[in-house]
Amino acid sequence: MKIIINNTSMIPIYEQIVEQIKALIINDELKENDILPSVRSLSKDLKISALTVKKAYDNLEQEGFTSTIHGKGTYVLASNKELLVEERKKEIETDLEMAIQKGRRYGLTDEELKNLFIIILEG
């Protein structure tokens, strides 16, 4: 399992871990009943606090992605991938709405916003 931490990001490290593990589940790189690395092992690999990894694992469990069995480890649960994808789409939709509102506050027209979106989309 490959997780990359960006120490300069404004996103807390535990959230980076959560999002990357969710992505691994969506992309079928982690499947139902796969075991995640132990808290100590992952914290050592990432050179971060075990408490940070524990917080990420707790969040994943609260959201229904994993289950922790004391003394055995943390396992990936069966997931509704459509629900995960829908959650991501909603998050992107929210970000786009905020960008549109910001553009309008700066006086851009809808046509200018569309053109800007197309330019960015085409890379």
PDB file of N, CA and C in Angstrom:
ATOM      1  N   MET A   1       0.857  -1.177   0.000  1.00  0.00           N
ATOM      2  CA  MET A   1       0.000   0.000   0.000  1.00  0.00           C
ATOM      3  C   MET A   1       0.900   1.236   0.000  1.00  0.00           C
ATOM      4  N   LYS A   2       0.697   2.084  -0.991  1.00  0.00           N
ATOM      5  CA  LYS A   2       1.534   3.274  -1.174  1.00  0.00           C
ATOM      6  C   LYS A   2       0.738   4.507  -0.767  1.00  0.00           C
ATOM      7  N   ILE A   3       1.199   5.178   0.284  1.00  0.00           N
ATOM      8  CA  ILE A   3       0.587   6.422   0.737  1.00  0.00           C
ATOM      9  C   ILE A   3       1.666   7.486   0.746  1.00  0.00           C
ATOM     10  N   ILE A   4       1.343   8.625   0.175  1.00  0.00           N
ATOM     11  CA  ILE A   4       2.291   9.734   0.108  1.00  0.00           C
ATOM     12  C   ILE A   4       1.736  10.898   0.919  1.00  0.00           C
ATOM     13  N   ILE A   5       2.531  11.363   1.854  1.00  0.00           N
ATOM     14  CA  ILE A   5       2.134  12.478   2.715  1.00  0.00           C
ATOM     15  C   ILE A   5       2.778  13.754   2.199  1.00  0.00           C
ATOM     16  N   ASN A   6       1.960  14.789   2.061  1.00  0.00           N
ATOM     17  CA  ASN A   6       2.452  16.108   1.663  1.00  0.00           C
ATOM     18  C   ASN A   6       2.475  16.984   2.909  1.00  0.00           C
ATOM     19  N   ASN A   7       3.662  17.175   3.452  1.00  0.00           N
ATOM     20  CA  ASN A   7       3.796  17.945   4.689  1.00  0.00           C
ATOM     21  C   ASN A   7       3.536  19.437   4.501  1.00  0.00           C
ATOM     22  N   THR A   8       3.521  19.910   3.260  1.00  0.00           N
ATOM     23  CA  THR A   8       3.269  21.328   3.025  1.00  0.00           C
ATOM     24  C   THR A   8       1.800  21.610   2.709  1.00  0.00           C
ATOM     25  N   SER A   9       1.007  20.560   2.617  1.00  0.00           N
ATOM     26  CA  SER A   9      -0.415  20.712   2.312  1.00  0.00           C
ATOM     27  C   SER A   9      -1.162  21.288   3.510  1.00  0.00           C
ATOM     28  N   MET A  10      -2.230  22.001   3.217  1.00  0.00           N
ATOM     29  CA  MET A  10      -3.096  22.522   4.272  1.00  0.00           C
ATOM     30  C   MET A  10      -4.041  21.440   4.792  1.00  0.00           C
ATOM     31  N   ILE A  11      -4.090  20.301   4.102  1.00  0.00           N
ATOM     32  CA  ILE A  11      -4.946  19.189   4.513  1.00  0.00           C
ATOM     33  C   ILE A  11      -4.226  18.415   5.614  1.00  0.00           C
ATOM     34  N   PRO A  12      -4.892  18.207   6.749  1.00  0.00           N
ATOM     35  CA  PRO A  12      -4.253  17.466   7.837  1.00  0.00           C
ATOM     36  C   PRO A  12      -3.775  16.081   7.375  1.00  0.00           C
ATOM     37  N   ILE A  13      -2.696  15.613   7.968  1.00  0.00           N
ATOM     38  CA  ILE A  13      -2.087  14.351   7.550  1.00  0.00           C
ATOM     39  C   ILE A  13      -3.071  13.188   7.670  1.00  0.00           C
ATOM     40  N   TYR A  14      -3.852  13.139   8.754  1.00  0.00           N
ATOM     41  CA  TYR A  14      -4.781  12.018   8.901  1.00  0.00           C
ATOM     42  C   TYR A  14      -5.815  12.016   7.778  1.00  0.00           C
ATOM     43  N   GLU A  15      -6.237  13.202   7.325  1.00  0.00           N
ATOM     44  CA  GLU A  15      -7.199  13.283   6.216  1.00  0.00           C
ATOM     45  C   GLU A  15      -6.559  12.834   4.908  1.00  0.00           C
ATOM     46  N   GLN A  16      -5.280  13.144   4.725  1.00  0.00           N
ATOM     47  CA  GLN A  16      -4.576  12.678   3.534  1.00  0.00           C
ATOM     48  C   GLN A  16      -4.555  11.146   3.506  1.00  0.00           C
ATOM     49  N   ILE A  17      -4.316  10.540   4.666  1.00  0.00           N
ATOM     50  CA  ILE A  17      -4.304   9.076   4.749  1.00  0.00           C
ATOM     51  C   ILE A  17      -5.687   8.519   4.429  1.00  0.00           C
ATOM     52  N   VAL A  18      -6.711   9.094   5.048  1.00  0.00           N
ATOM     53  CA  VAL A  18      -8.090   8.638   4.822  1.00  0.00           C
ATOM     54  C   VAL A  18      -8.435   8.710   3.340  1.00  0.00           C
ATOM     55  N   GLU A  19      -8.180   9.848   2.711  1.00  0.00           N
ATOM     56  CA  GLU A  19      -8.535  10.025   1.303  1.00  0.00           C
ATOM     57  C   GLU A  19      -7.784   9.061   0.390  1.00  0.00           C
ATOM     58  N   GLN A  20      -6.512   8.817   0.686  1.00  0.00           N
ATOM     59  CA  GLN A  20      -5.732   7.916  -0.155  1.00  0.00           C
ATOM     60  C   GLN A  20      -6.178   6.464   0.011  1.00  0.00           C
ATOM     61  N   ILE A  21      -6.552   6.077   1.232  1.00  0.00           N
ATOM     62  CA  ILE A  21      -7.057   4.715   1.429  1.00  0.00           C
ATOM     63  C   ILE A  21      -8.410   4.554   0.751  1.00  0.00           C
ATOM     64  N   LYS A  22      -9.267   5.569   0.837  1.00  0.00           N
ATOM     65  CA  LYS A  22     -10.554   5.517   0.120  1.00  0.00           C
ATOM     66  C   LYS A  22     -10.318   5.360  -1.384  1.00  0.00           C
ATOM     67  N   ALA A  23      -9.353   6.099  -1.919  1.00  0.00           N
ATOM     68  CA  ALA A  23      -9.040   6.006  -3.352  1.00  0.00           C
ATOM     69  C   ALA A  23      -8.567   4.607  -3.712  1.00  0.00           C
ATOM     70  N   LEU A  24      -7.765   3.999  -2.842  1.00  0.00           N
ATOM     71  CA  LEU A  24      -7.294   2.632  -3.093  1.00  0.00           C
ATOM     72  C   LEU A  24      -8.465   1.651  -3.102  1.00  0.00           C
ATOM     73  N   ILE A  25      -9.451   1.891  -2.263  1.00  0.00           N
ATOM     74  CA  ILE A  25     -10.638   1.034  -2.228  1.00  0.00           C
ATOM     75  C   ILE A  25     -11.466   1.233  -3.498  1.00  0.00           C
ATOM     76  N   ILE A  26     -11.684   2.491  -3.897  1.00  0.00           N
ATOM     77  CA  ILE A  26     -12.464   2.783  -5.108  1.00  0.00           C
ATOM     78  C   ILE A  26     -11.810   2.162  -6.335  1.00  0.00           C
ATOM     79  N   ASN A  27     -10.479   2.228  -6.398  1.00  0.00           N
ATOM     80  CA  ASN A  27      -9.748   1.715  -7.568  1.00  0.00           C
ATOM     81  C   ASN A  27      -9.459   0.221  -7.491  1.00  0.00           C
ATOM     82  N   ASP A  28     -10.054  -0.455  -6.511  1.00  0.00           N
ATOM     83  CA  ASP A  28      -9.883  -1.908  -6.333  1.00  0.00           C
ATOM     84  C   ASP A  28      -8.452  -2.332  -6.023  1.00  0.00           C
ATOM     85  N   GLU A  29      -7.626  -1.404  -5.566  1.00  0.00           N
ATOM     86  CA  GLU A  29      -6.286  -1.782  -5.129  1.00  0.00           C
ATOM     87  C   GLU A  29      -6.343  -2.367  -3.723  1.00  0.00           C
ATOM     88  N   LEU A  30      -7.357  -1.980  -2.965  1.00  0.00           N
ATOM     89  CA  LEU A  30      -7.673  -2.612  -1.688  1.00  0.00           C
ATOM     90  C   LEU A  30      -9.060  -3.214  -1.835  1.00  0.00           C
ATOM     91  N   LYS A  31      -9.168  -4.491  -1.492  1.00  0.00           N
ATOM     92  CA  LYS A  31     -10.433  -5.203  -1.653  1.00  0.00           C
ATOM     93  C   LYS A  31     -10.980  -5.634  -0.296  1.00  0.00           C
ATOM     94  N   GLU A  32     -12.219  -6.060  -0.311  1.00  0.00           N
ATOM     95  CA  GLU A  32     -12.857  -6.535   0.908  1.00  0.00           C
ATOM     96  C   GLU A  32     -11.982  -7.584   1.591  1.00  0.00           C
ATOM     97  N   ASN A  33     -11.842  -7.449   2.899  1.00  0.00           N
ATOM     98  CA  ASN A  33     -11.067  -8.347   3.774  1.00  0.00           C
ATOM     99  C   ASN A  33      -9.558  -8.173   3.680  1.00  0.00           C
ATOM    100  N   ASP A  34      -9.063  -7.254   2.840  1.00  0.00           N
ATOM    101  CA  ASP A  34      -7.629  -6.955   2.852  1.00  0.00           C
ATOM    102  C   ASP A  34      -7.302  -6.314   4.198  1.00  0.00           C
ATOM    103  N   ILE A  35      -6.137  -6.636   4.720  1.00  0.00           N
ATOM    104  CA  ILE A  35      -5.716  -6.054   6.000  1.00  0.00           C
ATOM    105  C   ILE A  35      -4.826  -4.848   5.739  1.00  0.00           C
ATOM    106  N   LEU A  36      -5.092  -3.779   6.484  1.00  0.00           N
ATOM    107  CA  LEU A  36      -4.255  -2.583   6.397  1.00  0.00           C
ATOM    108  C   LEU A  36      -3.012  -2.796   7.258  1.00  0.00           C
ATOM    109  N   PRO A  37      -1.946  -2.053   6.963  1.00  0.00           N
ATOM    110  CA  PRO A  37      -0.767  -2.146   7.821  1.00  0.00           C
ATOM    111  C   PRO A  37      -1.134  -1.757   9.256  1.00  0.00           C
ATOM    112  N   SER A  38      -0.413  -2.305  10.213  1.00  0.00           N
ATOM    113  CA  SER A  38      -0.682  -1.933  11.604  1.00  0.00           C
ATOM    114  C   SER A  38      -0.418  -0.436  11.781  1.00  0.00           C
ATOM    115  N   VAL A  39      -1.009   0.123  12.806  1.00  0.00           N
ATOM    116  CA  VAL A  39      -0.821   1.537  13.109  1.00  0.00           C
ATOM    117  C   VAL A  39       0.662   1.839  13.279  1.00  0.00           C
ATOM    118  N   ARG A  40       1.348   1.013  14.042  1.00  0.00           N
ATOM    119  CA  ARG A  40       2.780   1.232  14.273  1.00  0.00           C
ATOM    120  C   ARG A  40       3.581   1.120  12.988  1.00  0.00           C
ATOM    121  N   SER A  41       3.267   0.113  12.195  1.00  0.00           N
ATOM    122  CA  SER A  41       4.005  -0.106  10.947  1.00  0.00           C
ATOM    123  C   SER A  41       3.837   1.077   9.993  1.00  0.00           C
ATOM    124  N   LEU A  42       2.586   1.520   9.804  1.00  0.00           N
ATOM    125  CA  LEU A  42       2.342   2.632   8.882  1.00  0.00           C
ATOM    126  C   LEU A  42       2.952   3.925   9.410  1.00  0.00           C
ATOM    127  N   SER A  43       2.859   4.154  10.715  1.00  0.00           N
ATOM    128  CA  SER A  43       3.437   5.378  11.266  1.00  0.00           C
ATOM    129  C   SER A  43       4.957   5.380  11.099  1.00  0.00           C
ATOM    130  N   LYS A  44       5.568   4.208  11.226  1.00  0.00           N
ATOM    131  CA  LYS A  44       7.016   4.101  11.034  1.00  0.00           C
ATOM    132  C   LYS A  44       7.385   4.349   9.570  1.00  0.00           C
ATOM    133  N   ASP A  45       6.618   3.731   8.657  1.00  0.00           N
ATOM    134  CA  ASP A  45       6.876   3.901   7.223  1.00  0.00           C
ATOM    135  C   ASP A  45       6.727   5.357   6.783  1.00  0.00           C
ATOM    136  N   LEU A  46       5.701   6.023   7.310  1.00  0.00           N
ATOM    137  CA  LEU A  46       5.420   7.402   6.909  1.00  0.00           C
ATOM    138  C   LEU A  46       6.173   8.432   7.757  1.00  0.00           C
ATOM    139  N   LYS A  47       6.835   7.941   8.796  1.00  0.00           N
ATOM    140  CA  LYS A  47       7.584   8.817   9.710  1.00  0.00           C
ATOM    141  C   LYS A  47       6.677   9.874  10.347  1.00  0.00           C
ATOM    142  N   ILE A  48       5.524   9.384  10.839  1.00  0.00           N
ATOM    143  CA  ILE A  48       4.564  10.258  11.514  1.00  0.00           C
ATOM    144  C   ILE A  48       4.135   9.591  12.818  1.00  0.00           C
ATOM    145  N   SER A  49       3.397  10.314  13.613  1.00  0.00           N
ATOM    146  CA  SER A  49       2.921   9.806  14.895  1.00  0.00           C
ATOM    147  C   SER A  49       1.920   8.666  14.700  1.00  0.00           C
ATOM    148  N   ALA A  50       2.012   7.673  15.580  1.00  0.00           N
ATOM    149  CA  ALA A  50       1.045   6.576  15.567  1.00  0.00           C
ATOM    150  C   ALA A  50      -0.365   7.101  15.858  1.00  0.00           C
ATOM    151  N   LEU A  51      -0.458   8.168  16.641  1.00  0.00           N
ATOM    152  CA  LEU A  51      -1.768   8.755  16.939  1.00  0.00           C
ATOM    153  C   LEU A  51      -2.445   9.303  15.680  1.00  0.00           C
ATOM    154  N   THR A  52      -1.646   9.819  14.760  1.00  0.00           N
ATOM    155  CA  THR A  52      -2.189  10.344  13.501  1.00  0.00           C
ATOM    156  C   THR A  52      -2.764   9.207  12.663  1.00  0.00           C
ATOM    157  N   VAL A  53      -2.036   8.104  12.570  1.00  0.00           N
ATOM    158  CA  VAL A  53      -2.515   6.937  11.825  1.00  0.00           C
ATOM    159  C   VAL A  53      -3.764   6.373  12.501  1.00  0.00           C
ATOM    160  N   LYS A  54      -3.743   6.305  13.825  1.00  0.00           N
ATOM    161  CA  LYS A  54      -4.901   5.792  14.572  1.00  0.00           C
ATOM    162  C   LYS A  54      -6.131   6.646  14.285  1.00  0.00           C
ATOM    163  N   LYS A  55      -5.952   7.961  14.246  1.00  0.00           N
ATOM    164  CA  LYS A  55      -7.076   8.865  13.951  1.00  0.00           C
ATOM    165  C   LYS A  55      -7.622   8.591  12.550  1.00  0.00           C
ATOM    166  N   ALA A  56      -6.732   8.376  11.582  1.00  0.00           N
ATOM    167  CA  ALA A  56      -7.162   8.074  10.215  1.00  0.00           C
ATOM    168  C   ALA A  56      -7.937   6.755  10.189  1.00  0.00           C
ATOM    169  N   TYR A  57      -7.407   5.737  10.846  1.00  0.00           N
ATOM    170  CA  TYR A  57      -8.076   4.434  10.882  1.00  0.00           C
ATOM    171  C   TYR A  57      -9.428   4.532  11.586  1.00  0.00           C
ATOM    172  N   ASP A  58      -9.491   5.314  12.660  1.00  0.00           N
ATOM    173  CA  ASP A  58     -10.770   5.505  13.363  1.00  0.00           C
ATOM    174  C   ASP A  58     -11.796   6.167  12.448  1.00  0.00           C
ATOM    175  N   ASN A  59     -11.361   7.172  11.677  1.00  0.00           N
ATOM    176  CA  ASN A  59     -12.274   7.843  10.737  1.00  0.00           C
ATOM    177  C   ASN A  59     -12.773   6.865   9.678  1.00  0.00           C
ATOM    178  N   LEU A  60     -11.857   6.050   9.143  1.00  0.00           N
ATOM    179  CA  LEU A  60     -12.256   5.070   8.128  1.00  0.00           C
ATOM    180  C   LEU A  60     -13.273   4.085   8.699  1.00  0.00           C
ATOM    181  N   GLU A  61     -13.089   3.718   9.948  1.00  0.00           N
ATOM    182  CA  GLU A  61     -14.032   2.788  10.581  1.00  0.00           C
ATOM    183  C   GLU A  61     -15.384   3.463  10.812  1.00  0.00           C
ATOM    184  N   GLN A  62     -15.371   4.714  11.275  1.00  0.00           N
ATOM    185  CA  GLN A  62     -16.618   5.452  11.501  1.00  0.00           C
ATOM    186  C   GLN A  62     -17.405   5.628  10.206  1.00  0.00           C
ATOM    187  N   GLU A  63     -16.676   5.784   9.095  1.00  0.00           N
ATOM    188  CA  GLU A  63     -17.338   5.979   7.805  1.00  0.00           C
ATOM    189  C   GLU A  63     -17.724   4.655   7.145  1.00  0.00           C
ATOM    190  N   GLY A  64     -17.385   3.539   7.787  1.00  0.00           N
ATOM    191  CA  GLY A  64     -17.815   2.237   7.288  1.00  0.00           C
ATOM    192  C   GLY A  64     -16.903   1.606   6.244  1.00  0.00           C
ATOM    193  N   PHE A  65     -15.676   2.090   6.130  1.00  0.00           N
ATOM    194  CA  PHE A  65     -14.747   1.538   5.151  1.00  0.00           C
ATOM    195  C   PHE A  65     -13.925   0.385   5.705  1.00  0.00           C
ATOM    196  N   THR A  66     -13.701   0.398   7.018  1.00  0.00           N
ATOM    197  CA  THR A  66     -12.868  -0.623   7.637  1.00  0.00           C
ATOM    198  C   THR A  66     -13.506  -1.107   8.933  1.00  0.00           C
ATOM    199  N   SER A  67     -12.952  -2.194   9.425  1.00  0.00           N
ATOM    200  CA  SER A  67     -13.338  -2.716  10.730  1.00  0.00           C
ATOM    201  C   SER A  67     -12.064  -3.146  11.440  1.00  0.00           C
ATOM    202  N   THR A  68     -11.943  -2.758  12.697  1.00  0.00           N
ATOM    203  CA  THR A  68     -10.766  -3.125  13.473  1.00  0.00           C
ATOM    204  C   THR A  68     -11.136  -4.213  14.455  1.00  0.00           C
ATOM    205  N   ILE A  69     -10.369  -5.281  14.433  1.00  0.00           N
ATOM    206  CA  ILE A  69     -10.545  -6.375  15.373  1.00  0.00           C
ATOM    207  C   ILE A  69      -9.338  -6.348  16.296  1.00  0.00           C
ATOM    208  N   HIS A  70      -9.586  -6.065  17.577  1.00  0.00           N
ATOM    209  CA  HIS A  70      -8.492  -5.929  18.549  1.00  0.00           C
ATOM    210  C   HIS A  70      -7.571  -7.139  18.508  1.00  0.00           C
ATOM    211  N   GLY A  71      -6.297  -6.876  18.362  1.00  0.00           N
ATOM    212  CA  GLY A  71      -5.306  -7.937  18.356  1.00  0.00           C
ATOM    213  C   GLY A  71      -5.104  -8.596  17.006  1.00  0.00           C
ATOM    214  N   LYS A  72      -5.972  -8.286  16.046  1.00  0.00           N
ATOM    215  CA  LYS A  72      -5.869  -8.906  14.718  1.00  0.00           C
ATOM    216  C   LYS A  72      -5.554  -7.911  13.624  1.00  0.00           C
ATOM    217  N   GLY A  73      -6.102  -6.697  13.721  1.00  0.00           N
ATOM    218  CA  GLY A  73      -5.815  -5.693  12.715  1.00  0.00           C
ATOM    219  C   GLY A  73      -7.037  -4.980  12.192  1.00  0.00           C
ATOM    220  N   THR A  74      -6.796  -4.144  11.179  1.00  0.00           N
ATOM    221  CA  THR A  74      -7.855  -3.366  10.539  1.00  0.00           C
ATOM    222  C   THR A  74      -8.072  -3.898   9.138  1.00  0.00           C
ATOM    223  N   TYR A  75      -9.314  -4.253   8.839  1.00  0.00           N
ATOM    224  CA  TYR A  75      -9.666  -4.890   7.576  1.00  0.00           C
ATOM    225  C   TYR A  75     -10.588  -4.000   6.748  1.00  0.00           C
ATOM    226  N   VAL A  76     -10.454  -4.109   5.438  1.00  0.00           N
ATOM    227  CA  VAL A  76     -11.328  -3.382   4.520  1.00  0.00           C
ATOM    228  C   VAL A  76     -12.682  -4.085   4.497  1.00  0.00           C
ATOM    229  N   LEU A  77     -13.743  -3.309   4.624  1.00  0.00           N
ATOM    230  CA  LEU A  77     -15.100  -3.841   4.540  1.00  0.00           C
ATOM    231  C   LEU A  77     -15.604  -3.765   3.102  1.00  0.00           C
ATOM    232  N   ALA A  78     -16.629  -4.537   2.818  1.00  0.00           N
ATOM    233  CA  ALA A  78     -17.286  -4.423   1.518  1.00  0.00           C
ATOM    234  C   ALA A  78     -17.818  -3.002   1.422  1.00  0.00           C
ATOM    235  N   SER A  79     -17.660  -2.389   0.266  1.00  0.00           N
ATOM    236  CA  SER A  79     -18.090  -0.998   0.148  1.00  0.00           C
ATOM    237  C   SER A  79     -19.006  -0.823  -1.049  1.00  0.00           C
ATOM    238  N   ASN A  80     -19.815   0.187  -0.938  1.00  0.00           N
ATOM    239  CA  ASN A  80     -20.682   0.562  -2.036  1.00  0.00           C
ATOM    240  C   ASN A  80     -19.917   1.587  -2.868  1.00  0.00           C
ATOM    241  N   LYS A  81     -19.273   1.128  -3.935  1.00  0.00           N
ATOM    242  CA  LYS A  81     -18.420   2.011  -4.729  1.00  0.00           C
ATOM    243  C   LYS A  81     -19.206   3.159  -5.352  1.00  0.00           C
ATOM    244  N   GLU A  82     -20.455   2.895  -5.704  1.00  0.00           N
ATOM    245  CA  GLU A  82     -21.270   3.962  -6.281  1.00  0.00           C
ATOM    246  C   GLU A  82     -21.455   5.088  -5.269  1.00  0.00           C
ATOM    247  N   LEU A  83     -21.620   4.712  -4.013  1.00  0.00           N
ATOM    248  CA  LEU A  83     -21.779   5.712  -2.958  1.00  0.00           C
ATOM    249  C   LEU A  83     -20.488   6.512  -2.794  1.00  0.00           C
ATOM    250  N   LEU A  84     -19.347   5.839  -2.864  1.00  0.00           N
ATOM    251  CA  LEU A  84     -18.059   6.528  -2.770  1.00  0.00           C
ATOM    252  C   LEU A  84     -17.883   7.512  -3.917  1.00  0.00           C
ATOM    253  N   VAL A  85     -18.191   7.058  -5.117  1.00  0.00           N
ATOM    254  CA  VAL A  85     -18.050   7.920  -6.292  1.00  0.00           C
ATOM    255  C   VAL A  85     -18.992   9.110  -6.182  1.00  0.00           C
ATOM    256  N   GLU A  86     -20.207   8.867  -5.727  1.00  0.00           N
ATOM    257  CA  GLU A  86     -21.188   9.943  -5.569  1.00  0.00           C
ATOM    258  C   GLU A  86     -20.709  10.955  -4.525  1.00  0.00           C
ATOM    259  N   GLU A  87     -20.088  10.457  -3.459  1.00  0.00           N
ATOM    260  CA  GLU A  87     -19.541  11.337  -2.416  1.00  0.00           C
ATOM    261  C   GLU A  87     -18.465  12.244  -3.002  1.00  0.00           C
ATOM    262  N   ARG A  88     -17.609  11.675  -3.826  1.00  0.00           N
ATOM    263  CA  ARG A  88     -16.540  12.458  -4.460  1.00  0.00           C
ATOM    264  C   ARG A  88     -17.120  13.497  -5.416  1.00  0.00           C
ATOM    265  N   LYS A  89     -18.126  13.098  -6.191  1.00  0.00           N
ATOM    266  CA  LYS A  89     -18.750  14.033  -7.127  1.00  0.00           C
ATOM    267  C   LYS A  89     -19.353  15.215  -6.373  1.00  0.00           C
ATOM    268  N   LYS A  90     -20.006  14.922  -5.261  1.00  0.00           N
ATOM    269  CA  LYS A  90     -20.624  15.987  -4.466  1.00  0.00           C
ATOM    270  C   LYS A  90     -19.559  16.942  -3.940  1.00  0.00           C
ATOM    271  N   GLU A  91     -18.430  16.402  -3.527  1.00  0.00           N
ATOM    272  CA  GLU A  91     -17.332  17.229  -3.030  1.00  0.00           C
ATOM    273  C   GLU A  91     -16.808  18.145  -4.143  1.00  0.00           C
ATOM    274  N   ILE A  92     -16.644  17.600  -5.337  1.00  0.00           N
ATOM    275  CA  ILE A  92     -16.175  18.389  -6.478  1.00  0.00           C
ATOM    276  C   ILE A  92     -17.210  19.442  -6.848  1.00  0.00           C
ATOM    277  N   GLU A  93     -18.478  19.061  -6.806  1.00  0.00           N
ATOM    278  CA  GLU A  93     -19.554  20.009  -7.113  1.00  0.00           C
ATOM    279  C   GLU A  93     -19.512  21.201  -6.160  1.00  0.00           C
ATOM    280  N   THR A  94     -19.288  20.934  -4.894  1.00  0.00           N
ATOM    281  CA  THR A  94     -19.191  22.005  -3.893  1.00  0.00           C
ATOM    282  C   THR A  94     -18.023  22.925  -4.205  1.00  0.00           C
ATOM    283  N   ASP A  95     -16.869  22.333  -4.554  1.00  0.00           N
ATOM    284  CA  ASP A  95     -15.695  23.135  -4.896  1.00  0.00           C
ATOM    285  C   ASP A  95     -15.952  23.994  -6.131  1.00  0.00           C
ATOM    286  N   LEU A  96     -16.611  23.421  -7.119  1.00  0.00           N
ATOM    287  CA  LEU A  96     -16.917  24.181  -8.340  1.00  0.00           C
ATOM    288  C   LEU A  96     -17.882  25.329  -8.045  1.00  0.00           C
ATOM    289  N   GLU A  97     -18.882  25.067  -7.200  1.00  0.00           N
ATOM    290  CA  GLU A  97     -19.826  26.124  -6.831  1.00  0.00           C
ATOM    291  C   GLU A  97     -19.101  27.286  -6.152  1.00  0.00           C
ATOM    292  N   MET A  98     -18.153  26.960  -5.270  1.00  0.00           N
ATOM    293  CA  MET A  98     -17.396  28.012  -4.587  1.00  0.00           C
ATOM    294  C   MET A  98     -16.551  28.800  -5.589  1.00  0.00           C
ATOM    295  N   ALA A  99     -15.973  28.110  -6.569  1.00  0.00           N
ATOM    296  CA  ALA A  99     -15.160  28.789  -7.586  1.00  0.00           C
ATOM    297  C   ALA A  99     -16.036  29.706  -8.439  1.00  0.00           C
ATOM    298  N   ILE A 100     -17.226  29.238  -8.787  1.00  0.00           N
ATOM    299  CA  ILE A 100     -18.144  30.055  -9.585  1.00  0.00           C
ATOM    300  C   ILE A 100     -18.557  31.306  -8.803  1.00  0.00           C
ATOM    301  N   GLN A 101     -18.889  31.131  -7.538  1.00  0.00           N
ATOM    302  CA  GLN A 101     -19.268  32.281  -6.705  1.00  0.00           C
ATOM    303  C   GLN A 101     -18.127  33.285  -6.606  1.00  0.00           C
ATOM    304  N   LYS A 102     -16.912  32.778  -6.470  1.00  0.00           N
ATOM    305  CA  LYS A 102     -15.748  33.660  -6.386  1.00  0.00           C
ATOM    306  C   LYS A 102     -15.564  34.413  -7.701  1.00  0.00           C
ATOM    307  N   GLY A 103     -15.709  33.699  -8.818  1.00  0.00           N
ATOM    308  CA  GLY A 103     -15.592  34.338 -10.128  1.00  0.00           C
ATOM    309  C   GLY A 103     -16.621  35.438 -10.313  1.00  0.00           C
ATOM    310  N   ARG A 104     -17.837  35.183  -9.882  1.00  0.00           N
ATOM    311  CA  ARG A 104     -18.896  36.195  -9.996  1.00  0.00           C
ATOM    312  C   ARG A 104     -18.609  37.398  -9.110  1.00  0.00           C
ATOM    313  N   ARG A 105     -18.067  37.132  -7.903  1.00  0.00           N
ATOM    314  CA  ARG A 105     -17.695  38.260  -7.018  1.00  0.00           C
ATOM    315  C   ARG A 105     -16.624  39.121  -7.670  1.00  0.00           C
ATOM    316  N   TYR A 106     -15.770  38.506  -8.477  1.00  0.00           N
ATOM    317  CA  TYR A 106     -14.702  39.236  -9.166  1.00  0.00           C
ATOM    318  C   TYR A 106     -15.177  39.829 -10.483  1.00  0.00           C
ATOM    319  N   GLY A 107     -16.469  39.672 -10.775  1.00  0.00           N
ATOM    320  CA  GLY A 107     -17.048  40.324 -11.944  1.00  0.00           C
ATOM    321  C   GLY A 107     -16.979  39.527 -13.236  1.00  0.00           C
ATOM    322  N   LEU A 108     -16.627  38.239 -13.178  1.00  0.00           N
ATOM    323  CA  LEU A 108     -16.592  37.437 -14.401  1.00  0.00           C
ATOM    324  C   LEU A 108     -18.014  37.051 -14.811  1.00  0.00           C
ATOM    325  N   THR A 109     -18.241  37.025 -16.117  1.00  0.00           N
ATOM    326  CA  THR A 109     -19.536  36.584 -16.630  1.00  0.00           C
ATOM    327  C   THR A 109     -19.563  35.058 -16.668  1.00  0.00           C
ATOM    328  N   ASP A 110     -20.773  34.523 -16.837  1.00  0.00           N
ATOM    329  CA  ASP A 110     -20.899  33.064 -16.942  1.00  0.00           C
ATOM    330  C   ASP A 110     -20.105  32.540 -18.136  1.00  0.00           C
ATOM    331  N   GLU A 111     -20.124  33.293 -19.232  1.00  0.00           N
ATOM    332  CA  GLU A 111     -19.384  32.877 -20.430  1.00  0.00           C
ATOM    333  C   GLU A 111     -17.880  32.850 -20.152  1.00  0.00           C
ATOM    334  N   GLU A 112     -17.380  33.861 -19.445  1.00  0.00           N
ATOM    335  CA  GLU A 112     -15.960  33.887 -19.094  1.00  0.00           C
ATOM    336  C   GLU A 112     -15.598  32.719 -18.175  1.00  0.00           C
ATOM    337  N   LEU A 113     -16.499  32.408 -17.237  1.00  0.00           N
ATOM    338  CA  LEU A 113     -16.264  31.270 -16.340  1.00  0.00           C
ATOM    339  C   LEU A 113     -16.244  29.953 -17.114  1.00  0.00           C
ATOM    340  N   LYS A 114     -17.182  29.791 -18.054  1.00  0.00           N
ATOM    341  CA  LYS A 114     -17.214  28.567 -18.876  1.00  0.00           C
ATOM    342  C   LYS A 114     -15.927  28.425 -19.679  1.00  0.00           C
ATOM    343  N   ASN A 115     -15.503  29.527 -20.297  1.00  0.00           N
ATOM    344  CA  ASN A 115     -14.275  29.486 -21.093  1.00  0.00           C
ATOM    345  C   ASN A 115     -13.058  29.149 -20.226  1.00  0.00           C
ATOM    346  N   LEU A 116     -13.017  29.720 -19.050  1.00  0.00           N
ATOM    347  CA  LEU A 116     -11.925  29.439 -18.122  1.00  0.00           C
ATOM    348  C   LEU A 116     -11.932  27.960 -17.713  1.00  0.00           C
ATOM    349  N   PHE A 117     -13.110  27.450 -17.444  1.00  0.00           N
ATOM    350  CA  PHE A 117     -13.236  26.030 -17.088  1.00  0.00           C
ATOM    351  C   PHE A 117     -12.756  25.131 -18.216  1.00  0.00           C
ATOM    352  N   ILE A 118     -13.139  25.442 -19.431  1.00  0.00           N
ATOM    353  CA  ILE A 118     -12.726  24.647 -20.586  1.00  0.00           C
ATOM    354  C   ILE A 118     -11.210  24.704 -20.762  1.00  0.00           C
ATOM    355  N   ILE A 119     -10.621  25.861 -20.599  1.00  0.00           N
ATOM    356  CA  ILE A 119      -9.164  26.009 -20.737  1.00  0.00           C
ATOM    357  C   ILE A 119      -8.462  25.142 -19.678  1.00  0.00           C
ATOM    358  N   ILE A 120      -8.932  25.211 -18.466  1.00  0.00           N
ATOM    359  CA  ILE A 120      -8.319  24.430 -17.385  1.00  0.00           C
ATOM    360  C   ILE A 120      -8.532  22.934 -17.623  1.00  0.00           C
ATOM    361  N   LEU A 121      -9.718  22.567 -18.048  1.00  0.00           N
ATOM    362  CA  LEU A 121     -10.046  21.165 -18.311  1.00  0.00           C
ATOM    363  C   LEU A 121      -9.160  20.569 -19.401  1.00  0.00           C
ATOM    364  N   GLU A 122      -8.883  21.350 -20.412  1.00  0.00           N
ATOM    365  CA  GLU A 122      -8.063  20.862 -21.526  1.00  0.00           C
ATOM    366  C   GLU A 122      -6.593  20.819 -21.153  1.00  0.00           C
ATOM    367  N   GLY A 123      -6.237  21.456 -20.047  1.00  0.00           N
ATOM    368  CA  GLY A 123      -4.866  21.388 -19.532  1.00  0.00           C
ATOM    369  C   GLY A 123      -3.911  22.164 -20.325  1.00  0.00           C
TER     370      GLY A 123
END
